Protein backbone atom coordinates (compact mmCIF):
# COMPACT_ATOMS: atom_id res chain seq x y z
CA UNK A 1 -0.12 0.39 -0.23
CA UNK A 2 1.33 3.38 -0.76
CA UNK A 3 2.07 6.18 1.54
CA UNK A 4 -0.90 7.86 0.53
CA UNK A 5 -3.22 5.37 0.40
CA UNK A 6 -2.47 4.68 4.68
CA UNK A 7 -2.64 8.63 5.25
CA UNK A 8 -6.08 8.35 3.29
CA UNK A 9 -6.74 5.45 5.47
CA UNK A 10 -5.65 7.21 8.47
CA UNK A 11 -8.02 9.95 8.16
CA UNK A 12 -11.06 7.87 7.04
CA UNK A 13 -10.54 6.22 11.01
CA UNK A 14 -10.61 9.86 11.90
CA UNK A 15 -13.61 10.55 9.89
CA UNK A 16 -15.48 7.90 11.91
CA UNK A 17 -14.98 9.93 15.38
CA UNK A 18 -17.38 12.40 16.69
CA UNK A 19 -14.89 15.43 17.24
CA UNK A 20 -14.77 18.70 15.31
CA UNK A 21 -12.81 19.24 12.23
CA UNK A 22 -9.89 20.98 13.81
CA UNK A 23 -9.72 17.97 16.23
CA UNK A 24 -9.10 15.61 13.67
CA UNK A 25 -6.50 17.69 11.86
CA UNK A 26 -5.11 17.73 15.56
CA UNK A 27 -4.51 14.05 15.71
CA UNK A 28 -4.20 13.30 11.71
CA UNK A 29 -1.22 15.88 12.06
CA UNK A 30 0.51 14.01 15.15
CA UNK A 31 0.10 10.59 13.56
CA UNK A 32 1.54 12.25 10.18
CA UNK A 33 4.51 13.81 11.93
CA UNK A 34 5.97 10.65 13.77
CA UNK A 35 5.58 8.42 10.65
CA UNK A 36 5.89 9.99 7.69
CA UNK A 37 9.27 11.68 6.40
CA UNK A 38 9.28 15.44 5.34
CA UNK A 39 10.23 14.45 1.92
CA UNK A 40 7.20 11.78 2.06
CA UNK A 41 5.20 14.65 3.16
CA UNK A 42 5.64 16.84 0.38
CA UNK A 43 5.46 13.74 -1.75
CA UNK A 44 1.83 12.90 -0.67
CA UNK A 45 0.76 16.13 -0.49
CA UNK A 46 1.50 16.84 -4.49
CA UNK A 47 -0.01 13.32 -5.15
CA UNK A 48 -3.11 14.67 -3.12
CA UNK A 49 -3.56 17.90 -4.93
CA UNK A 50 -3.06 16.35 -8.43
CA UNK A 51 -5.62 13.71 -7.37
CA UNK A 52 -8.24 16.14 -5.61
CA UNK A 53 -10.96 17.18 -8.36
CA UNK A 54 -11.76 20.27 -8.48
CA UNK A 55 -15.54 20.17 -10.10
CA UNK A 56 -18.72 21.99 -9.20
CA UNK A 57 -20.45 18.57 -8.65
CA UNK A 58 -17.03 17.16 -6.08
CA UNK A 59 -17.14 20.30 -4.42
CA UNK A 60 -20.86 20.08 -3.23
CA UNK A 61 -20.27 16.40 -2.56
CA UNK A 62 -17.30 17.65 -0.18
CA UNK A 63 -19.27 19.45 1.39
CA UNK A 64 -22.71 18.33 1.83
CA UNK A 65 -22.61 14.35 1.11
CA UNK A 66 -25.50 13.55 2.78
CA UNK A 67 -27.81 16.09 1.31
CA UNK A 68 -26.45 14.92 -1.92
CA UNK A 69 -27.54 11.35 -1.34
CA UNK A 70 -30.58 11.60 0.42
CA UNK A 71 -32.84 12.18 -2.53
CA UNK A 72 -31.69 8.83 -3.67
CA UNK A 73 -32.19 6.95 -0.25
CA UNK A 74 -35.54 8.14 -0.63
CA UNK A 75 -35.67 6.63 -3.99
CA UNK A 76 -34.63 3.06 -2.67
CA UNK A 77 -36.88 3.56 0.17
CA UNK A 78 -40.40 4.27 -2.19
CA UNK A 79 -39.34 1.52 -4.05
CA UNK A 80 -39.29 -0.67 -1.58
CA UNK A 81 -42.80 0.68 -0.09
CA UNK A 82 -44.45 0.55 -3.45
CA UNK A 83 -43.14 -2.49 -4.78
CA UNK A 84 -44.54 -4.12 -1.13
CA UNK A 85 -47.62 -2.66 -0.90
CA UNK A 86 -48.88 -2.42 -4.45
CA UNK A 87 -47.14 -5.72 -5.15
CA UNK A 88 -45.07 -4.36 -7.93
CA UNK A 89 -41.92 -6.37 -8.50
CA UNK A 90 -41.04 -3.45 -11.18
CA UNK A 91 -40.77 -1.22 -7.86
CA UNK A 92 -37.73 -3.02 -6.61
CA UNK A 93 -35.71 -1.67 -9.50
CA UNK A 94 -36.08 1.32 -8.45
CA UNK A 95 -35.13 0.40 -5.02
CA UNK A 96 -31.66 -1.19 -6.11
CA UNK A 97 -30.66 2.01 -8.50
CA UNK A 98 -31.54 4.27 -5.30
CA UNK A 99 -29.84 2.22 -3.07
CA UNK A 100 -26.79 1.15 -5.22
CA UNK A 101 -26.55 5.27 -6.38
CA UNK A 102 -26.45 6.32 -2.81
CA UNK A 103 -23.54 4.80 -1.69
CA UNK A 104 -21.82 5.05 -4.46
CA UNK A 105 -22.52 8.65 -3.69
CA UNK A 106 -21.83 8.55 0.02
CA UNK A 107 -18.28 6.61 -0.48
CA UNK A 108 -17.32 8.70 -2.96
CA UNK A 109 -17.76 11.85 -0.53
CA UNK A 110 -16.38 10.14 2.19
CA UNK A 111 -13.02 9.61 0.22
CA UNK A 112 -12.69 13.09 -1.09
CA UNK A 113 -13.48 14.21 2.77
CA UNK A 114 -10.53 11.69 3.84
CA UNK A 115 -7.67 13.33 1.17
CA UNK A 116 -9.14 16.84 2.30
CA UNK A 117 -8.73 15.95 5.80
CA UNK A 118 -4.59 14.64 4.46
CA UNK A 119 -4.51 17.74 2.93
CA UNK A 120 -4.98 19.99 5.27
CA UNK A 121 -3.28 18.38 8.00
CA UNK A 122 -0.06 18.08 5.87
CA UNK A 123 -0.26 22.38 4.85
CA UNK A 124 -0.53 22.30 8.98
CA UNK A 125 2.07 20.53 9.25
CA UNK A 126 4.08 22.75 6.60
CA UNK A 127 3.17 26.15 7.88
CA UNK A 128 4.14 24.75 11.45
CA UNK A 129 7.78 23.95 10.07
CA UNK A 130 8.10 27.29 8.30
CA UNK A 131 6.62 29.34 11.65
CA UNK A 132 9.29 27.31 13.33
CA UNK A 133 12.28 27.65 11.49
CA UNK A 134 11.39 31.28 10.86
CA UNK A 135 11.18 31.56 14.81
CA UNK A 136 14.69 29.97 15.32
CA UNK A 137 16.45 32.09 12.98
């Protein structure tokens, strides 16, 4: 597994915890500082910077992934409800498609959020390193 993949997995672990973004970044920053050399940090940051998409949909997905996937969860639920109550097997197709779309959206948003968290942590590490260097001069 690459260093970037490992750091994204660390960020995903931080996303599962209920805390503020600042606290998540602080915990992640400590883990990255201890386990990744500065040269590798720069390399990971360059990889993530090239990898993070900058389009309109992904920006919305990064900020509001739950709200984007909510209509698809509703379609899945209505398909299930109508399929059972009206005994229409065709309505179960809506359940499958809506649920699959919602899961894909949630998963993509989760990965984007984890990558963004790693980028923020690496930027914070870089800023702190530069401020320590300027303070010691």
